[in-house]
Amino acid sequence: MPDVILDGSYLEGGGQILRNALALSALTGKSFSVSDIRKGRCNPGLKAQHLYCVKAAAQLCGADFTDVEIGSETVAFFPKKLKAQNLDIDIGTAGSMSLFLQAVLLPAMFANAPLKISVAGGTDVIWSMPVDYLKNVFLPHLQKYARAEIRILKRGFYPKGGGKIEIEIRPKFKSNDFENFEEFAGYLKQKGRIVLEEQGKLLQVKGVSHASKNLWDAKVAERQAMSAESALKKLKCPVQIASEYSDTYSPGSAVTLWAIFSKGEEIDSLNPIILGADALGERGKSSENVGKEAAEKLLKEIESGAPVDQHLADNLIPFLGLFGGKIRVSRITNHTLTNIYVTEKFLDVKFKVDKEKNIIECS
């Protein structure tokens, strides 16, 4: 009988429940089963990228798992010992690489040695954080717990994907140094709570506007960037958005923006305050509208007064469970509440959620 039983249809009802369960299972050593996987989606059950999540997480911790295939709605996962090893995964489609990493990044950060993860798939895909957000918004919040450096080697858009990234991870806290996970969890509670309650002073906005090379003549990347910069003028701070082109298997474009804050005159690299937003190009949407959409999303996050954007919030939840802390977010989404559900199942913690003030706390 697995240690943890999960309902895959809970709230958000997507693949996120499985990905976070895999990550926490590999780290804690607790087995789990999940049923009704992706019940809230048009085509329930596992997709190709979810199969790679299961297999990659199993590779990190030597896990046994039930036979899974595309369309499977139930998974049982039985981890053994977490052990550092390089992963080389080709999702084979435009499946989101950033979502795939939700299943392996957490345990990799607390493995017994440095490791490298290479992934091929989609870098900029609908309904997922782009890799530029992963690199410039999410990962900076984790640097005090493990050194993680990401390189974007190739862009990948829907439907062919073909993008590639590499992440090198050097753990600072190794779970294998302790007799059991409970002892390790107690140690982590002493190593730096996540406290993000105030935005502080807006210092600058940075971003990347990029497109496939076949859109160079139309100056798509530059037009996206100029439109975003125009919409952000009201902030009265430096705005720097790079324009880039790359060889891709499928045509596409995207903009990712991030706003950097500080409570003092300089950025605190170990306790950063960074809000992010993005927009994806698509047929029939002008480059100007793509840039404007990304900028308006970022402005909305900034105007909320919160130091954590709605997408960063759900990604931080497992770390908040491990280290404890308190965050104020722009909006509490079902993704965030779903991650709290999964995290509480694996860790001996209880979250407090104040939906009126948008505050999440974990002791």
Protein backbone atom coordinates (compact mmCIF):
# COMPACT_ATOMS: atom_id res chain seq x y z
CA MET A 1 0.00 0.00 0.00
CA PRO A 2 1.51 3.39 -1.00
CA ASP A 3 2.29 5.92 1.75
CA VAL A 4 0.34 8.69 0.02
CA ILE A 5 -2.96 8.44 -1.89
CA LEU A 6 -3.76 11.34 -4.24
CA ASP A 7 -6.86 12.39 -6.12
CA GLY A 8 -5.75 13.47 -9.59
CA SER A 9 -8.99 15.38 -10.16
CA TYR A 10 -8.44 17.70 -7.18
CA LEU A 11 -9.05 21.40 -8.03
CA GLU A 12 -6.74 22.14 -10.98
CA GLY A 13 -7.05 18.52 -12.06
CA GLY A 14 -4.04 18.59 -14.41
CA GLY A 15 -0.62 17.02 -14.76
CA GLN A 16 0.80 19.27 -12.05
CA ILE A 17 -0.44 16.91 -9.33
CA LEU A 18 1.58 14.05 -10.80
CA ARG A 19 4.72 16.16 -11.41
CA ASN A 20 4.86 17.54 -7.88
CA ALA A 21 4.08 14.14 -6.39
CA LEU A 22 6.98 12.63 -8.32
CA ALA A 23 9.35 15.35 -7.08
CA LEU A 24 8.31 15.07 -3.44
CA SER A 25 8.24 11.27 -3.56
CA ALA A 26 11.79 11.07 -4.93
CA LEU A 27 12.98 13.47 -2.21
CA THR A 28 11.08 12.12 0.81
CA GLY A 29 11.21 8.42 -0.08
CA LYS A 30 7.42 8.16 0.37
CA SER A 31 5.57 6.04 -2.19
CA PHE A 32 2.32 7.28 -3.71
CA SER A 33 -0.53 6.41 -6.00
CA VAL A 34 -2.65 8.86 -7.96
CA SER A 35 -5.90 8.16 -9.76
CA ASP A 36 -8.04 10.17 -12.20
CA ILE A 37 -4.91 11.79 -13.65
CA ARG A 38 -5.72 14.93 -15.67
CA LYS A 39 -9.43 14.38 -15.05
CA GLY A 40 -10.01 18.08 -15.61
CA ARG A 41 -8.64 18.00 -19.16
CA CYS A 42 -10.34 17.33 -22.51
CA ASN A 43 -8.20 14.23 -23.05
CA PRO A 44 -7.69 12.72 -19.57
CA GLY A 45 -4.76 10.53 -18.63
CA LEU A 46 -1.05 10.73 -19.29
CA LYS A 47 0.43 12.44 -22.33
CA ALA A 48 3.90 11.73 -23.70
CA GLN A 49 5.60 14.37 -21.56
CA HIS A 50 4.10 12.87 -18.38
CA LEU A 51 5.61 9.48 -19.19
CA TYR A 52 9.05 11.10 -19.35
CA CYS A 53 8.39 12.78 -15.99
CA VAL A 54 7.69 9.39 -14.38
CA LYS A 55 10.71 7.72 -15.95
CA ALA A 56 13.12 10.57 -15.17
CA ALA A 57 12.03 10.85 -11.53
CA ALA A 58 12.35 7.07 -11.22
CA GLN A 59 15.86 7.25 -12.62
CA LEU A 60 16.88 9.72 -9.89
CA CYS A 61 15.68 7.53 -7.04
CA GLY A 62 15.71 3.99 -8.46
CA ALA A 63 11.93 3.80 -8.18
CA ASP A 64 9.60 1.02 -9.25
CA PHE A 65 6.33 2.11 -10.79
CA THR A 66 3.26 0.59 -12.35
CA ASP A 67 3.12 0.09 -16.11
CA VAL A 68 2.21 3.43 -17.65
CA GLU A 69 1.34 4.44 -21.18
CA ILE A 70 -0.31 7.35 -22.96
CA GLY A 71 -3.84 7.63 -21.62
CA SER A 72 -3.15 5.90 -18.29
CA GLU A 73 -5.20 7.51 -15.53
CA THR A 74 -3.53 5.80 -12.57
CA VAL A 75 0.12 5.70 -11.47
CA ALA A 76 1.76 4.07 -8.45
CA PHE A 77 5.35 5.05 -7.66
CA PHE A 78 7.70 3.38 -5.16
CA PRO A 79 10.98 5.31 -4.65
CA LYS A 80 14.21 3.96 -3.23
CA LYS A 81 17.34 6.03 -2.49
CA LEU A 82 17.87 9.43 -4.09
CA LYS A 83 21.12 9.41 -6.05
CA ALA A 84 22.67 12.08 -8.27
CA GLN A 85 22.98 11.17 -11.92
CA ASN A 86 22.85 13.06 -15.18
CA LEU A 87 19.58 13.00 -17.10
CA ASP A 88 19.26 13.31 -20.87
CA ILE A 89 15.60 13.51 -21.89
CA ASP A 90 14.06 14.09 -25.32
CA ILE A 91 10.33 14.62 -24.89
CA GLY A 92 9.97 14.15 -28.65
CA THR A 93 7.25 16.80 -29.01
CA ALA A 94 6.77 20.43 -28.06
CA GLY A 95 5.95 19.29 -24.53
CA SER A 96 6.99 21.95 -22.05
CA MET A 97 10.49 21.49 -20.68
CA SER A 98 9.79 23.80 -17.76
CA LEU A 99 6.83 21.67 -16.68
CA PHE A 100 8.92 18.50 -17.07
CA LEU A 101 11.48 20.00 -14.70
CA GLN A 102 8.85 20.31 -11.96
CA ALA A 103 9.18 16.53 -11.57
CA VAL A 104 12.97 16.40 -11.18
CA LEU A 105 14.39 19.80 -10.20
CA LEU A 106 13.39 19.60 -6.53
CA PRO A 107 14.97 16.20 -5.75
CA ALA A 108 18.01 17.02 -7.91
CA MET A 109 18.68 20.07 -5.73
CA PHE A 110 19.11 17.86 -2.67
CA ALA A 111 20.94 14.92 -4.25
CA ASN A 112 24.31 13.63 -3.02
CA ALA A 113 26.44 15.24 -5.77
CA PRO A 114 26.32 17.75 -8.67
CA LEU A 115 24.43 16.69 -11.78
CA LYS A 116 23.37 17.91 -15.20
CA ILE A 117 19.91 17.70 -16.76
CA SER A 118 19.59 17.99 -20.54
CA VAL A 119 16.09 18.27 -21.97
CA ALA A 120 14.75 18.56 -25.53
CA GLY A 121 11.20 19.73 -26.19
CA GLY A 122 9.29 23.00 -26.13
CA THR A 123 10.83 26.16 -24.66
CA ASP A 124 7.82 28.42 -25.23
CA VAL A 125 4.51 26.59 -25.04
CA ILE A 126 0.97 27.65 -24.18
CA TRP A 127 -0.18 27.05 -20.56
CA SER A 128 3.34 26.74 -19.18
CA MET A 129 6.11 29.02 -18.00
CA PRO A 130 8.66 29.72 -20.75
CA VAL A 131 12.27 28.79 -20.08
CA ASP A 132 13.22 32.49 -19.87
CA TYR A 133 10.83 32.79 -16.91
CA LEU A 134 12.34 29.66 -15.40
CA LYS A 135 15.83 31.11 -15.78
CA ASN A 136 15.23 34.71 -14.74
CA VAL A 137 12.32 34.59 -12.27
CA PHE A 138 12.04 31.16 -10.65
CA LEU A 139 15.62 29.86 -10.40
CA PRO A 140 17.03 33.03 -8.75
CA HIS A 141 14.77 32.31 -5.75
CA LEU A 142 16.43 28.91 -5.30
CA GLN A 143 20.09 29.94 -5.41
CA LYS A 144 20.45 30.06 -1.63
CA TYR A 145 19.46 26.38 -1.50
CA ALA A 146 21.41 25.05 -4.50
CA ARG A 147 23.44 26.50 -7.34
CA ALA A 148 21.43 26.03 -10.52
CA GLU A 149 22.61 27.37 -13.87
CA ILE A 150 20.53 27.03 -17.02
CA ARG A 151 21.63 27.38 -20.64
CA ILE A 152 19.13 27.77 -23.45
CA LEU A 153 20.75 26.01 -26.41
CA LYS A 154 17.87 26.01 -28.90
CA ARG A 155 14.32 27.36 -29.00
CA GLY A 156 11.38 25.05 -29.58
CA PHE A 157 7.82 26.03 -30.54
CA TYR A 158 4.62 24.05 -31.14
CA PRO A 159 4.09 21.65 -32.84
CA LYS A 160 7.56 20.20 -33.56
CA GLY A 161 9.44 21.38 -30.49
CA GLY A 162 13.13 20.56 -30.85
CA GLY A 163 14.31 23.11 -28.32
CA LYS A 164 17.10 22.20 -25.93
CA ILE A 165 18.25 23.36 -22.52
CA GLU A 166 20.85 22.23 -20.01
CA ILE A 167 20.77 22.78 -16.25
CA GLU A 168 23.74 22.17 -13.98
CA ILE A 169 22.84 21.74 -10.32
CA ARG A 170 25.23 21.84 -7.39
CA PRO A 171 23.41 20.92 -4.14
CA LYS A 172 24.27 22.79 -0.94
CA PHE A 173 22.19 20.55 1.36
CA LYS A 174 22.41 16.79 0.71
CA SER A 175 19.60 14.58 1.95
CA ASN A 176 21.85 11.51 1.96
CA ASP A 177 23.94 13.05 4.75
CA PHE A 178 21.08 12.28 7.17
CA GLU A 179 19.69 9.06 8.63
CA ASN A 180 16.18 9.72 7.33
CA PHE A 181 14.12 12.40 5.65
CA GLU A 182 12.53 13.57 8.90
CA GLU A 183 15.97 14.46 10.24
CA PHE A 184 16.84 16.20 6.98
CA ALA A 185 13.54 18.13 7.01
CA GLY A 186 14.28 19.40 10.51
CA TYR A 187 17.71 20.56 9.34
CA LEU A 188 16.23 22.44 6.36
CA LYS A 189 13.85 24.39 8.62
CA GLN A 190 16.94 26.09 10.05
CA LYS A 191 18.43 27.07 6.69
CA GLY A 192 16.58 30.09 5.46
CA ARG A 193 12.84 30.68 5.47
CA ILE A 194 11.21 32.12 2.37
CA VAL A 195 9.88 35.52 3.40
CA LEU A 196 8.41 37.63 0.59
CA GLU A 197 5.86 40.12 1.92
CA GLU A 198 6.77 43.48 0.33
CA GLN A 199 7.73 44.52 -3.18
CA GLY A 200 10.21 47.19 -2.21
CA LYS A 201 11.51 49.64 -4.81
CA LEU A 202 11.24 48.87 -8.52
CA LEU A 203 14.77 49.09 -9.94
CA GLN A 204 14.42 47.91 -13.52
CA VAL A 205 12.55 45.77 -16.02
CA LYS A 206 14.35 43.31 -18.25
CA GLY A 207 13.13 40.98 -20.94
CA VAL A 208 13.69 38.85 -24.00
CA SER A 209 11.73 39.15 -27.22
CA HIS A 210 12.58 36.34 -29.59
CA ALA A 211 11.35 34.79 -32.82
CA SER A 212 12.31 32.12 -35.33
CA LYS A 213 14.68 33.23 -38.09
CA ASN A 214 12.04 33.03 -40.79
CA LEU A 215 10.35 36.01 -39.10
CA TRP A 216 13.47 38.20 -39.27
CA ASP A 217 12.39 40.12 -42.38
CA ALA A 218 9.18 41.13 -40.62
CA LYS A 219 11.25 42.35 -37.62
CA VAL A 220 8.92 40.45 -35.29
CA ALA A 221 11.28 40.37 -32.29
CA GLU A 222 12.01 44.10 -32.51
CA ARG A 223 8.32 45.02 -32.93
CA GLN A 224 7.35 42.91 -29.92
CA ALA A 225 10.07 44.55 -27.84
CA MET A 226 9.19 48.10 -28.91
CA SER A 227 5.51 47.56 -28.13
CA ALA A 228 6.32 46.18 -24.67
CA GLU A 229 8.74 49.04 -23.96
CA SER A 230 6.11 51.60 -24.97
CA ALA A 231 3.53 50.09 -22.61
CA LEU A 232 6.06 50.04 -19.75
CA LYS A 233 7.10 53.71 -20.02
CA LYS A 234 4.67 54.62 -17.25
CA LEU A 235 6.90 52.77 -14.75
CA LYS A 236 9.60 55.45 -15.07
CA CYS A 237 12.43 52.98 -14.56
CA PRO A 238 15.07 51.51 -16.91
CA VAL A 239 13.57 48.98 -19.35
CA GLN A 240 15.89 46.70 -21.30
CA ILE A 241 14.40 44.11 -23.66
CA ALA A 242 16.75 42.11 -25.88
CA SER A 243 15.65 41.05 -29.39
CA GLU A 244 16.82 37.64 -30.62
CA TYR A 245 16.31 35.22 -33.53
CA SER A 246 17.05 31.51 -33.68
CA ASP A 247 16.75 28.45 -35.90
CA THR A 248 13.64 26.50 -34.96
CA TYR A 249 11.77 23.49 -36.32
CA SER A 250 8.45 25.34 -36.15
CA PRO A 251 7.91 29.09 -36.56
CA GLY A 252 7.03 31.10 -33.49
CA SER A 253 7.73 34.05 -31.23
CA ALA A 254 7.42 35.03 -27.59
CA VAL A 255 8.16 37.75 -25.04
CA THR A 256 9.18 37.22 -21.42
CA LEU A 257 9.52 40.17 -19.04
CA TRP A 258 10.66 40.42 -15.44
CA ALA A 259 10.61 43.31 -12.96
CA ILE A 260 13.40 43.48 -10.39
CA PHE A 261 12.85 45.07 -6.98
CA SER A 262 14.97 45.76 -3.93
CA LYS A 263 14.41 46.80 -0.33
CA GLY A 264 17.72 48.70 -0.41
CA GLU A 265 19.82 50.34 -3.07
CA GLU A 266 21.15 47.04 -4.40
CA ILE A 267 19.59 43.73 -5.44
CA ASP A 268 19.76 41.01 -2.81
CA SER A 269 20.79 38.01 -4.91
CA LEU A 270 19.98 35.49 -2.16
CA ASN A 271 16.57 36.97 -1.39
CA PRO A 272 15.43 38.39 -4.74
CA ILE A 273 12.13 40.07 -5.46
CA ILE A 274 11.29 39.40 -9.11
CA LEU A 275 7.91 39.43 -10.86
CA GLY A 276 7.48 37.90 -14.31
CA ALA A 277 5.04 37.80 -17.21
CA ASP A 278 5.04 36.53 -20.77
CA ALA A 279 3.07 36.32 -24.01
CA LEU A 280 3.23 33.88 -26.90
CA GLY A 281 2.96 34.79 -30.58
CA GLU A 282 0.37 33.03 -32.71
CA ARG A 283 -1.05 33.18 -36.20
CA GLY A 284 -3.33 36.19 -36.57
CA LYS A 285 -1.92 38.07 -33.54
CA SER A 286 0.22 41.08 -34.41
CA SER A 287 3.72 41.42 -32.98
CA GLU A 288 2.63 44.67 -31.36
CA ASN A 289 -0.19 42.91 -29.54
CA VAL A 290 2.17 40.18 -28.29
CA GLY A 291 4.50 42.76 -26.74
CA LYS A 292 1.61 44.77 -25.33
CA GLU A 293 0.03 41.64 -23.81
CA ALA A 294 3.23 40.70 -21.97
CA ALA A 295 3.66 44.26 -20.70
CA GLU A 296 0.07 44.54 -19.47
CA LYS A 297 0.39 41.25 -17.61
CA LEU A 298 3.54 42.50 -15.90
CA LEU A 299 1.96 45.85 -15.04
CA LYS A 300 -0.95 44.04 -13.43
CA GLU A 301 1.45 41.99 -11.30
CA ILE A 302 3.36 45.12 -10.26
CA GLU A 303 0.19 47.04 -9.46
CA SER A 304 -0.95 44.24 -7.14
CA GLY A 305 1.74 45.37 -4.70
CA ALA A 306 2.72 41.73 -4.09
CA PRO A 307 6.34 40.50 -4.31
CA VAL A 308 5.29 37.10 -5.74
CA ASP A 309 3.43 36.75 -9.05
CA GLN A 310 0.67 34.18 -9.47
CA HIS A 311 2.85 31.72 -11.41
CA LEU A 312 5.86 31.95 -9.11
CA ALA A 313 3.57 31.24 -6.16
CA ASP A 314 2.63 27.70 -7.19
CA ASN A 315 6.25 26.85 -8.05
CA LEU A 316 7.45 28.04 -4.64
CA ILE A 317 4.95 25.98 -2.62
CA PRO A 318 7.08 22.79 -2.23
CA PHE A 319 10.05 24.92 -1.13
CA LEU A 320 7.85 26.85 1.28
CA GLY A 321 6.84 23.47 2.72
CA LEU A 322 10.47 22.42 3.11
CA PHE A 323 11.95 25.64 4.49
CA GLY A 324 8.94 27.39 5.97
CA GLY A 325 8.08 31.03 5.44
CA LYS A 326 5.46 33.51 4.39
CA ILE A 327 4.64 35.01 1.00
CA ARG A 328 2.16 37.52 -0.36
CA VAL A 329 1.02 36.80 -3.89
CA SER A 330 -0.80 38.78 -6.54
CA ARG A 331 -3.49 36.11 -6.85
CA ILE A 332 -4.04 32.70 -5.28
CA THR A 333 -4.84 30.31 -8.12
CA ASN A 334 -6.13 26.74 -8.20
CA HIS A 335 -2.62 25.72 -9.31
CA THR A 336 -1.27 27.11 -6.03
CA LEU A 337 -3.97 25.47 -3.92
CA THR A 338 -3.40 22.18 -5.73
CA ASN A 339 0.31 22.30 -4.96
CA ILE A 340 -0.50 22.96 -1.30
CA TYR A 341 -2.71 19.85 -1.32
CA VAL A 342 0.10 17.67 -2.69
CA THR A 343 2.83 19.19 -0.50
CA GLU A 344 0.85 18.67 2.71
CA LYS A 345 0.38 15.02 1.76
CA PHE A 346 4.16 14.40 1.64
CA LEU A 347 5.54 16.80 4.25
CA ASP A 348 4.59 17.10 7.91
CA VAL A 349 3.41 20.69 7.46
CA LYS A 350 0.22 22.72 7.36
CA PHE A 351 -0.27 25.81 5.20
CA LYS A 352 -2.31 28.83 6.24
CA VAL A 353 -4.02 30.58 3.33
CA ASP A 354 -5.53 34.05 3.71
CA LYS A 355 -7.52 34.56 0.50
CA GLU A 356 -8.51 38.12 1.40
CA LYS A 357 -4.93 39.34 1.84
CA ASN A 358 -3.43 36.78 -0.60
CA ILE A 359 -0.98 35.57 2.05
CA ILE A 360 0.33 32.00 2.26
CA GLU A 361 2.24 30.87 5.33
CA CYS A 362 3.90 27.61 6.30
CA SER A 363 5.62 27.12 9.66
